[in-house]
């Protein structure tokens, strides 16, 4: 576990894995591709499967004794995975709808789960060649491009009393409950964006809160959650409790709130 949190060489290798998967994604992205609809009605492209194969094979080589759970390889019986103390949780292409729309708002997500909580996460944005990563021990970081001189530590914004709330929401998954919440909030600016980029906006201080009042799966949120948390964000479900991973048969998350401060969380909770 300590290697995951403190080994800079391992982080470099994870960045290389993410970028290799991203290159494969972009080759499909820049071609005339087709897609299928899975049983859960979500789309699947060749880019999803190529990225999945690259990330999972590289992780097996990197840490052969640590199991891997991926969106595209999720048919692992609960009685097997419930015994895992630690594992990799992967979304090889988060934001497939954005990928199909060709708006660039898609990511690869790699998280390390220990005792049912994400303790390290990495998000790569192929279209802009940006990497985000973080853990509570090292903080949260953003790297733009390939030069490490561009690496910088990131932090959530400070709550401005009585100021305009910058609320981030899903671009392709509208929610009636979110609209109801927004109708009750006074002054706000709504920023719609796809994939786990919503967590990254919070972590960078470019948004104040992300109320998720629609369905998500564990691979959608794990990497983003720990990156945002490592940047100082507060993430809880609507019962004001932390989110636990891999504790039931399905992978669906509860509704949750990501906020830049306790004050912002309490402001939203007073309305919900």
C-alpha atoms as a PDB file:
ATOM      1  CA  UNK A   1       0.000   0.000   0.000  1.00  0.00           C
ATOM      2  CA  UNK A   2       2.803   2.453   0.864  1.00  0.00           C
ATOM      3  CA  UNK A   3       4.291   1.897  -2.598  1.00  0.00           C
ATOM      4  CA  UNK A   4       1.074   3.099  -4.182  1.00  0.00           C
ATOM      5  CA  UNK A   5       1.043   6.264  -2.106  1.00  0.00           C
ATOM      6  CA  UNK A   6       4.685   7.309  -2.097  1.00  0.00           C
ATOM      7  CA  UNK A   7       6.501   5.659  -5.005  1.00  0.00           C
ATOM      8  CA  UNK A   8       7.063   8.348  -7.648  1.00  0.00           C
ATOM      9  CA  UNK A   9       8.309   5.755 -10.134  1.00  0.00           C
ATOM     10  CA  UNK A  10       5.023   3.872  -9.808  1.00  0.00           C
ATOM     11  CA  UNK A  11       3.102   7.092 -10.421  1.00  0.00           C
ATOM     12  CA  UNK A  12       5.212   7.692 -13.537  1.00  0.00           C
ATOM     13  CA  UNK A  13       4.369   4.193 -14.731  1.00  0.00           C
ATOM     14  CA  UNK A  14       0.663   4.778 -14.146  1.00  0.00           C
ATOM     15  CA  UNK A  15       0.884   7.998 -16.145  1.00  0.00           C
ATOM     16  CA  UNK A  16       2.567   6.063 -18.968  1.00  0.00           C
ATOM     17  CA  UNK A  17      -0.159   3.395 -18.838  1.00  0.00           C
ATOM     18  CA  UNK A  18      -2.885   6.056 -18.937  1.00  0.00           C
ATOM     19  CA  UNK A  19      -1.271   7.828 -21.875  1.00  0.00           C
ATOM     20  CA  UNK A  20      -0.796   4.587 -23.812  1.00  0.00           C
ATOM     21  CA  UNK A  21      -4.493   3.837 -23.347  1.00  0.00           C
ATOM     22  CA  UNK A  22      -5.266   7.429 -24.318  1.00  0.00           C
ATOM     23  CA  UNK A  23      -3.355   7.104 -27.576  1.00  0.00           C
ATOM     24  CA  UNK A  24      -5.407   4.033 -28.480  1.00  0.00           C
ATOM     25  CA  UNK A  25      -8.595   5.914 -27.610  1.00  0.00           C
ATOM     26  CA  UNK A  26      -7.654   8.874 -29.805  1.00  0.00           C
ATOM     27  CA  UNK A  27      -6.929   6.648 -32.804  1.00  0.00           C
ATOM     28  CA  UNK A  28     -10.512   5.444 -32.658  1.00  0.00           C
ATOM     29  CA  UNK A  29     -11.798   8.933 -31.819  1.00  0.00           C
ATOM     30  CA  UNK A  30     -10.229  10.340 -34.987  1.00  0.00           C
ATOM     31  CA  UNK A  31     -11.685   7.610 -37.197  1.00  0.00           C
ATOM     32  CA  UNK A  32     -15.160   6.718 -38.448  1.00  0.00           C
ATOM     33  CA  UNK A  33     -16.132   4.460 -35.561  1.00  0.00           C
ATOM     34  CA  UNK A  34     -19.331   2.649 -34.677  1.00  0.00           C
ATOM     35  CA  UNK A  35     -20.723   1.724 -31.279  1.00  0.00           C
ATOM     36  CA  UNK A  36     -22.944  -0.857 -29.605  1.00  0.00           C
ATOM     37  CA  UNK A  37     -25.499  -0.557 -26.813  1.00  0.00           C
ATOM     38  CA  UNK A  38     -24.864  -2.709 -23.749  1.00  0.00           C
ATOM     39  CA  UNK A  39     -27.525  -4.376 -21.615  1.00  0.00           C
ATOM     40  CA  UNK A  40     -27.561  -1.394 -19.244  1.00  0.00           C
ATOM     41  CA  UNK A  41     -28.266   0.838 -22.295  1.00  0.00           C
ATOM     42  CA  UNK A  42     -24.851   2.518 -22.105  1.00  0.00           C
ATOM     43  CA  UNK A  43     -22.764   2.749 -25.301  1.00  0.00           C
ATOM     44  CA  UNK A  44     -19.641   0.688 -25.987  1.00  0.00           C
ATOM     45  CA  UNK A  45     -17.003   1.491 -28.607  1.00  0.00           C
ATOM     46  CA  UNK A  46     -13.813  -0.137 -29.801  1.00  0.00           C
ATOM     47  CA  UNK A  47     -11.976   2.520 -27.802  1.00  0.00           C
ATOM     48  CA  UNK A  48     -13.495   1.188 -24.555  1.00  0.00           C
ATOM     49  CA  UNK A  49     -12.215  -2.317 -25.181  1.00  0.00           C
ATOM     50  CA  UNK A  50      -8.786  -1.267 -26.472  1.00  0.00           C
ATOM     51  CA  UNK A  51      -8.208   0.988 -23.469  1.00  0.00           C
ATOM     52  CA  UNK A  52      -9.449  -1.695 -21.115  1.00  0.00           C
ATOM     53  CA  UNK A  53      -7.057  -4.293 -22.535  1.00  0.00           C
ATOM     54  CA  UNK A  54      -4.080  -1.943 -22.309  1.00  0.00           C
ATOM     55  CA  UNK A  55      -4.734  -0.745 -18.763  1.00  0.00           C
ATOM     56  CA  UNK A  56      -5.562  -4.158 -17.333  1.00  0.00           C
ATOM     57  CA  UNK A  57      -2.622  -5.935 -18.973  1.00  0.00           C
ATOM     58  CA  UNK A  58      -0.186  -3.242 -17.851  1.00  0.00           C
ATOM     59  CA  UNK A  59      -1.535  -3.284 -14.291  1.00  0.00           C
ATOM     60  CA  UNK A  60      -1.178  -7.066 -14.173  1.00  0.00           C
ATOM     61  CA  UNK A  61       2.477  -6.686 -15.116  1.00  0.00           C
ATOM     62  CA  UNK A  62       3.015  -3.798 -12.714  1.00  0.00           C
ATOM     63  CA  UNK A  63       1.324  -5.378  -9.668  1.00  0.00           C
ATOM     64  CA  UNK A  64       0.673  -9.069 -10.462  1.00  0.00           C
ATOM     65  CA  UNK A  65      -0.669  -9.889  -6.988  1.00  0.00           C
ATOM     66  CA  UNK A  66      -3.335  -7.170  -6.902  1.00  0.00           C
ATOM     67  CA  UNK A  67      -6.742  -7.971  -8.465  1.00  0.00           C
ATOM     68  CA  UNK A  68      -8.347  -5.664 -11.026  1.00  0.00           C
ATOM     69  CA  UNK A  69     -11.995  -4.699 -11.354  1.00  0.00           C
ATOM     70  CA  UNK A  70     -12.885  -2.846 -14.546  1.00  0.00           C
ATOM     71  CA  UNK A  71     -16.173  -1.685 -16.021  1.00  0.00           C
ATOM     72  CA  UNK A  72     -15.572  -3.957 -18.996  1.00  0.00           C
ATOM     73  CA  UNK A  73     -14.546  -6.906 -16.768  1.00  0.00           C
ATOM     74  CA  UNK A  74     -17.004  -6.515 -13.923  1.00  0.00           C
ATOM     75  CA  UNK A  75     -18.644  -9.955 -13.922  1.00  0.00           C
ATOM     76  CA  UNK A  76     -16.741 -11.048 -10.821  1.00  0.00           C
ATOM     77  CA  UNK A  77     -18.974 -12.771  -8.233  1.00  0.00           C
ATOM     78  CA  UNK A  78     -19.408 -10.786  -5.036  1.00  0.00           C
ATOM     79  CA  UNK A  79     -18.381 -13.764  -2.901  1.00  0.00           C
ATOM     80  CA  UNK A  80     -14.953 -13.565  -4.561  1.00  0.00           C
ATOM     81  CA  UNK A  81     -14.334  -9.822  -4.667  1.00  0.00           C
ATOM     82  CA  UNK A  82     -15.822  -9.207  -1.204  1.00  0.00           C
ATOM     83  CA  UNK A  83     -12.696 -10.851   0.227  1.00  0.00           C
ATOM     84  CA  UNK A  84     -10.380  -8.346  -1.472  1.00  0.00           C
ATOM     85  CA  UNK A  85      -8.647  -5.997   0.936  1.00  0.00           C
ATOM     86  CA  UNK A  86      -7.155  -4.049  -1.966  1.00  0.00           C
ATOM     87  CA  UNK A  87      -7.663  -3.883  -5.729  1.00  0.00           C
ATOM     88  CA  UNK A  88      -7.442  -1.664  -8.794  1.00  0.00           C
ATOM     89  CA  UNK A  89     -10.726  -0.141  -9.988  1.00  0.00           C
ATOM     90  CA  UNK A  90     -10.689   0.953 -13.631  1.00  0.00           C
ATOM     91  CA  UNK A  91     -12.947   2.832 -15.998  1.00  0.00           C
ATOM     92  CA  UNK A  92     -11.091   2.540 -19.317  1.00  0.00           C
ATOM     93  CA  UNK A  93     -13.234   5.180 -21.031  1.00  0.00           C
ATOM     94  CA  UNK A  94     -15.375   7.348 -18.798  1.00  0.00           C
ATOM     95  CA  UNK A  95     -17.732   9.548 -20.793  1.00  0.00           C
ATOM     96  CA  UNK A  96     -18.392   7.319 -23.789  1.00  0.00           C
ATOM     97  CA  UNK A  97     -21.387   9.505 -24.694  1.00  0.00           C
ATOM     98  CA  UNK A  98     -19.048  12.510 -24.856  1.00  0.00           C
ATOM     99  CA  UNK A  99     -16.614  10.430 -26.915  1.00  0.00           C
ATOM    100  CA  UNK A 100     -19.392   9.676 -29.413  1.00  0.00           C
ATOM    101  CA  UNK A 101     -20.378  13.363 -29.505  1.00  0.00           C
ATOM    102  CA  UNK A 102     -16.684  14.201 -30.110  1.00  0.00           C
ATOM    103  CA  UNK A 103     -16.564  17.019 -27.561  1.00  0.00           C
ATOM    104  CA  UNK A 104     -13.331  15.827 -25.900  1.00  0.00           C
ATOM    105  CA  UNK A 105     -14.851  15.402 -22.426  1.00  0.00           C
ATOM    106  CA  UNK A 106     -13.827  11.796 -21.779  1.00  0.00           C
ATOM    107  CA  UNK A 107     -11.211  10.271 -19.495  1.00  0.00           C
ATOM    108  CA  UNK A 108      -9.461   7.139 -18.318  1.00  0.00           C
ATOM    109  CA  UNK A 109      -9.869   6.463 -14.591  1.00  0.00           C
ATOM    110  CA  UNK A 110      -7.586   4.304 -12.440  1.00  0.00           C
ATOM    111  CA  UNK A 111      -8.158   4.056  -8.682  1.00  0.00           C
ATOM    112  CA  UNK A 112      -6.549   1.988  -5.958  1.00  0.00           C
ATOM    113  CA  UNK A 113      -9.053   0.736  -3.377  1.00  0.00           C
ATOM    114  CA  UNK A 114      -7.970  -0.286   0.127  1.00  0.00           C
ATOM    115  CA  UNK A 115     -10.442  -1.528   2.728  1.00  0.00           C
ATOM    116  CA  UNK A 116     -13.433  -0.355   0.653  1.00  0.00           C
ATOM    117  CA  UNK A 117     -12.153   3.188   0.125  1.00  0.00           C
ATOM    118  CA  UNK A 118     -10.175   4.793  -2.730  1.00  0.00           C
ATOM    119  CA  UNK A 119      -6.747   5.865  -1.462  1.00  0.00           C
ATOM    120  CA  UNK A 120      -5.140   6.807  -4.789  1.00  0.00           C
ATOM    121  CA  UNK A 121      -6.607   7.942  -8.096  1.00  0.00           C
ATOM    122  CA  UNK A 122      -5.451   8.962 -11.556  1.00  0.00           C
ATOM    123  CA  UNK A 123      -7.501  10.548 -14.323  1.00  0.00           C
ATOM    124  CA  UNK A 124      -6.173  11.119 -17.832  1.00  0.00           C
ATOM    125  CA  UNK A 125      -7.832  13.390 -20.398  1.00  0.00           C
ATOM    126  CA  UNK A 126      -6.674  12.155 -23.844  1.00  0.00           C
ATOM    127  CA  UNK A 127      -8.111  15.058 -25.849  1.00  0.00           C
ATOM    128  CA  UNK A 128      -6.115  17.673 -23.892  1.00  0.00           C
ATOM    129  CA  UNK A 129      -3.204  15.497 -22.672  1.00  0.00           C
ATOM    130  CA  UNK A 130      -3.839  16.335 -19.028  1.00  0.00           C
ATOM    131  CA  UNK A 131      -3.292  14.083 -16.018  1.00  0.00           C
ATOM    132  CA  UNK A 132      -4.747  14.435 -12.540  1.00  0.00           C
ATOM    133  CA  UNK A 133      -3.720  12.269  -9.611  1.00  0.00           C
ATOM    134  CA  UNK A 134      -3.777  12.305  -5.848  1.00  0.00           C
ATOM    135  CA  UNK A 135      -3.865  10.674  -2.447  1.00  0.00           C
ATOM    136  CA  UNK A 136      -4.325  12.165   1.014  1.00  0.00           C
ATOM    137  CA  UNK A 137      -0.641  11.559   1.777  1.00  0.00           C
ATOM    138  CA  UNK A 138       0.778  13.420  -1.218  1.00  0.00           C
ATOM    139  CA  UNK A 139      -2.055  15.795  -2.116  1.00  0.00           C
ATOM    140  CA  UNK A 140      -3.548  16.325  -5.578  1.00  0.00           C
ATOM    141  CA  UNK A 141      -1.663  17.197  -8.759  1.00  0.00           C
ATOM    142  CA  UNK A 142      -2.317  18.303 -12.314  1.00  0.00           C
ATOM    143  CA  UNK A 143       0.063  17.809 -15.229  1.00  0.00           C
ATOM    144  CA  UNK A 144      -0.588  19.479 -18.577  1.00  0.00           C
ATOM    145  CA  UNK A 145       1.385  18.083 -21.518  1.00  0.00           C
ATOM    146  CA  UNK A 146       4.467  15.885 -21.239  1.00  0.00           C
ATOM    147  CA  UNK A 147       6.887  18.172 -19.400  1.00  0.00           C
ATOM    148  CA  UNK A 148       7.067  17.735 -15.635  1.00  0.00           C
ATOM    149  CA  UNK A 149       7.831  21.436 -15.369  1.00  0.00           C
ATOM    150  CA  UNK A 150       4.087  21.870 -15.938  1.00  0.00           C
ATOM    151  CA  UNK A 151       3.167  19.773 -12.892  1.00  0.00           C
ATOM    152  CA  UNK A 152       1.454  21.693 -10.132  1.00  0.00           C
ATOM    153  CA  UNK A 153      -0.308  20.965  -6.893  1.00  0.00           C
ATOM    154  CA  UNK A 154      -4.007  21.769  -6.957  1.00  0.00           C
ATOM    155  CA  UNK A 155      -6.441  22.815  -4.246  1.00  0.00           C
ATOM    156  CA  UNK A 156     -10.165  23.451  -3.942  1.00  0.00           C
ATOM    157  CA  UNK A 157     -11.512  27.002  -3.924  1.00  0.00           C
ATOM    158  CA  UNK A 158     -12.420  28.811  -0.718  1.00  0.00           C
ATOM    159  CA  UNK A 159     -16.077  29.253   0.147  1.00  0.00           C
ATOM    160  CA  UNK A 160     -17.258  32.794  -0.404  1.00  0.00           C
ATOM    161  CA  UNK A 161     -20.007  33.669   2.066  1.00  0.00           C
ATOM    162  CA  UNK A 162     -23.115  34.745   0.207  1.00  0.00           C
ATOM    163  CA  UNK A 163     -21.360  34.528  -3.140  1.00  0.00           C
ATOM    164  CA  UNK A 164     -22.354  32.847  -6.359  1.00  0.00           C
ATOM    165  CA  UNK A 165     -22.070  29.061  -6.174  1.00  0.00           C
ATOM    166  CA  UNK A 166     -20.333  27.470  -9.159  1.00  0.00           C
ATOM    167  CA  UNK A 167     -22.186  24.184  -9.556  1.00  0.00           C
ATOM    168  CA  UNK A 168     -20.918  21.462 -11.873  1.00  0.00           C
ATOM    169  CA  UNK A 169     -23.328  18.979 -13.433  1.00  0.00           C
ATOM    170  CA  UNK A 170     -23.387  16.127 -15.921  1.00  0.00           C
ATOM    171  CA  UNK A 171     -23.583  17.139 -19.558  1.00  0.00           C
ATOM    172  CA  UNK A 172     -25.283  13.959 -20.826  1.00  0.00           C
ATOM    173  CA  UNK A 173     -27.184  12.708 -17.779  1.00  0.00           C
ATOM    174  CA  UNK A 174     -29.776  15.335 -16.796  1.00  0.00           C
ATOM    175  CA  UNK A 175     -31.556  14.873 -13.482  1.00  0.00           C
ATOM    176  CA  UNK A 176     -35.016  16.042 -12.455  1.00  0.00           C
ATOM    177  CA  UNK A 177     -33.852  16.075  -8.815  1.00  0.00           C
ATOM    178  CA  UNK A 178     -30.961  18.371  -9.724  1.00  0.00           C
ATOM    179  CA  UNK A 179     -33.308  20.785 -11.482  1.00  0.00           C
ATOM    180  CA  UNK A 180     -35.490  20.834  -8.370  1.00  0.00           C
ATOM    181  CA  UNK A 181     -32.425  21.601  -6.241  1.00  0.00           C
ATOM    182  CA  UNK A 182     -31.259  24.372  -8.554  1.00  0.00           C
ATOM    183  CA  UNK A 183     -34.694  25.974  -8.434  1.00  0.00           C
ATOM    184  CA  UNK A 184     -34.208  26.359  -4.656  1.00  0.00           C
ATOM    185  CA  UNK A 185     -30.710  27.852  -4.840  1.00  0.00           C
ATOM    186  CA  UNK A 186     -30.435  31.597  -5.079  1.00  0.00           C
ATOM    187  CA  UNK A 187     -27.353  32.709  -6.992  1.00  0.00           C
ATOM    188  CA  UNK A 188     -25.428  30.096  -8.927  1.00  0.00           C
ATOM    189  CA  UNK A 189     -23.496  29.451 -12.109  1.00  0.00           C
ATOM    190  CA  UNK A 190     -24.019  26.059 -13.726  1.00  0.00           C
ATOM    191  CA  UNK A 191     -21.121  24.367 -15.509  1.00  0.00           C
ATOM    192  CA  UNK A 192     -22.022  21.213 -17.465  1.00  0.00           C
ATOM    193  CA  UNK A 193     -19.200  18.817 -18.298  1.00  0.00           C
ATOM    194  CA  UNK A 194     -18.821  15.120 -19.057  1.00  0.00           C
ATOM    195  CA  UNK A 195     -17.083  12.214 -17.296  1.00  0.00           C
ATOM    196  CA  UNK A 196     -14.913  12.438 -14.174  1.00  0.00           C
ATOM    197  CA  UNK A 197     -13.833  15.922 -15.248  1.00  0.00           C
ATOM    198  CA  UNK A 198     -16.478  17.167 -12.810  1.00  0.00           C
ATOM    199  CA  UNK A 199     -14.323  16.006  -9.887  1.00  0.00           C
ATOM    200  CA  UNK A 200     -11.269  17.616 -11.501  1.00  0.00           C
ATOM    201  CA  UNK A 201     -12.997  20.993 -11.720  1.00  0.00           C
ATOM    202  CA  UNK A 202     -13.705  20.840  -7.985  1.00  0.00           C
ATOM    203  CA  UNK A 203     -10.105  19.769  -7.243  1.00  0.00           C
ATOM    204  CA  UNK A 204      -8.697  22.626  -9.336  1.00  0.00           C
ATOM    205  CA  UNK A 205     -10.850  25.226  -7.614  1.00  0.00           C
ATOM    206  CA  UNK A 206     -12.812  25.922 -10.798  1.00  0.00           C
ATOM    207  CA  UNK A 207     -16.148  24.861  -9.278  1.00  0.00           C
ATOM    208  CA  UNK A 208     -17.574  24.820  -5.763  1.00  0.00           C
ATOM    209  CA  UNK A 209     -19.885  21.834  -5.657  1.00  0.00           C
ATOM    210  CA  UNK A 210     -21.077  18.817  -7.610  1.00  0.00           C
ATOM    211  CA  UNK A 211     -24.414  17.400  -6.446  1.00  0.00           C
ATOM    212  CA  UNK A 212     -24.877  14.036  -8.147  1.00  0.00           C
ATOM    213  CA  UNK A 213     -28.554  13.183  -7.981  1.00  0.00           C
ATOM    214  CA  UNK A 214     -28.512  10.564 -10.741  1.00  0.00           C
ATOM    215  CA  UNK A 215     -27.032   7.072 -11.165  1.00  0.00           C
ATOM    216  CA  UNK A 216     -23.278   6.402 -11.219  1.00  0.00           C
ATOM    217  CA  UNK A 217     -21.201   3.265 -10.814  1.00  0.00           C
ATOM    218  CA  UNK A 218     -18.174   2.776  -8.583  1.00  0.00           C
ATOM    219  CA  UNK A 219     -15.674   2.922 -11.464  1.00  0.00           C
ATOM    220  CA  UNK A 220     -17.152   6.301 -12.475  1.00  0.00           C
ATOM    221  CA  UNK A 221     -16.320   7.961  -9.174  1.00  0.00           C
ATOM    222  CA  UNK A 222     -13.438   6.291  -7.295  1.00  0.00           C
ATOM    223  CA  UNK A 223     -10.483   8.040  -8.959  1.00  0.00           C
ATOM    224  CA  UNK A 224     -12.243  11.399  -9.035  1.00  0.00           C
ATOM    225  CA  UNK A 225     -13.352  11.111  -5.436  1.00  0.00           C
ATOM    226  CA  UNK A 226      -9.880  10.598  -3.992  1.00  0.00           C
ATOM    227  CA  UNK A 227      -8.334  13.267  -6.245  1.00  0.00           C
ATOM    228  CA  UNK A 228     -10.941  15.824  -5.143  1.00  0.00           C
ATOM    229  CA  UNK A 229     -10.646  14.735  -1.513  1.00  0.00           C
ATOM    230  CA  UNK A 230      -6.846  15.020  -1.681  1.00  0.00           C
ATOM    231  CA  UNK A 231      -7.303  18.589  -2.928  1.00  0.00           C
ATOM    232  CA  UNK A 232      -9.432  19.414   0.112  1.00  0.00           C
ATOM    233  CA  UNK A 233     -12.947  18.556  -1.078  1.00  0.00           C
ATOM    234  CA  UNK A 234     -15.637  16.957   1.036  1.00  0.00           C
ATOM    235  CA  UNK A 235     -17.484  13.965  -0.497  1.00  0.00           C
ATOM    236  CA  UNK A 236     -20.468  12.355   1.217  1.00  0.00           C
ATOM    237  CA  UNK A 237     -23.710  10.625   0.342  1.00  0.00           C
ATOM    238  CA  UNK A 238     -27.008  12.347   1.091  1.00  0.00           C
ATOM    239  CA  UNK A 239     -26.967  10.841   4.579  1.00  0.00           C
ATOM    240  CA  UNK A 240     -23.733  12.767   5.198  1.00  0.00           C
ATOM    241  CA  UNK A 241     -21.642   9.576   5.262  1.00  0.00           C
ATOM    242  CA  UNK A 242     -18.591   8.532   3.276  1.00  0.00           C
ATOM    243  CA  UNK A 243     -19.133   6.247   0.291  1.00  0.00           C
ATOM    244  CA  UNK A 244     -17.997   2.646   0.704  1.00  0.00           C
ATOM    245  CA  UNK A 245     -16.933   0.546  -2.282  1.00  0.00           C
ATOM    246  CA  UNK A 246     -17.357  -3.140  -3.107  1.00  0.00           C
ATOM    247  CA  UNK A 247     -19.823  -3.902  -0.348  1.00  0.00           C
ATOM    248  CA  UNK A 248     -22.730  -5.330  -2.335  1.00  0.00           C
ATOM    249  CA  UNK A 249     -23.652  -7.330  -5.409  1.00  0.00           C
ATOM    250  CA  UNK A 250     -24.146  -4.357  -7.725  1.00  0.00           C
ATOM    251  CA  UNK A 251     -21.806  -1.436  -8.371  1.00  0.00           C
ATOM    252  CA  UNK A 252     -24.280   1.445  -8.153  1.00  0.00           C
ATOM    253  CA  UNK A 253     -23.388   4.421  -5.971  1.00  0.00           C
ATOM    254  CA  UNK A 254     -25.792   6.342  -3.774  1.00  0.00           C
ATOM    255  CA  UNK A 255     -26.493   9.960  -4.683  1.00  0.00           C
ATOM    256  CA  UNK A 256     -23.713  12.146  -3.346  1.00  0.00           C
ATOM    257  CA  UNK A 257     -22.357  15.655  -2.948  1.00  0.00           C
ATOM    258  CA  UNK A 258     -18.838  16.891  -3.669  1.00  0.00           C
ATOM    259  CA  UNK A 259     -18.141  20.303  -2.150  1.00  0.00           C
ATOM    260  CA  UNK A 260     -15.183  22.608  -1.673  1.00  0.00           C
ATOM    261  CA  UNK A 261     -15.896  23.098   2.034  1.00  0.00           C
ATOM    262  CA  UNK A 262     -18.026  22.051   4.968  1.00  0.00           C
ATOM    263  CA  UNK A 263     -19.837  25.401   4.634  1.00  0.00           C
ATOM    264  CA  UNK A 264     -20.815  24.678   1.037  1.00  0.00           C
ATOM    265  CA  UNK A 265     -21.947  21.183   1.991  1.00  0.00           C
ATOM    266  CA  UNK A 266     -24.124  22.521   4.798  1.00  0.00           C
ATOM    267  CA  UNK A 267     -25.585  25.165   2.484  1.00  0.00           C
ATOM    268  CA  UNK A 268     -26.635  22.508  -0.045  1.00  0.00           C
ATOM    269  CA  UNK A 269     -27.824  20.095   2.649  1.00  0.00           C
ATOM    270  CA  UNK A 270     -30.066  22.793   4.087  1.00  0.00           C
ATOM    271  CA  UNK A 271     -31.862  22.921   0.735  1.00  0.00           C
ATOM    272  CA  UNK A 272     -32.049  19.243  -0.234  1.00  0.00           C
END
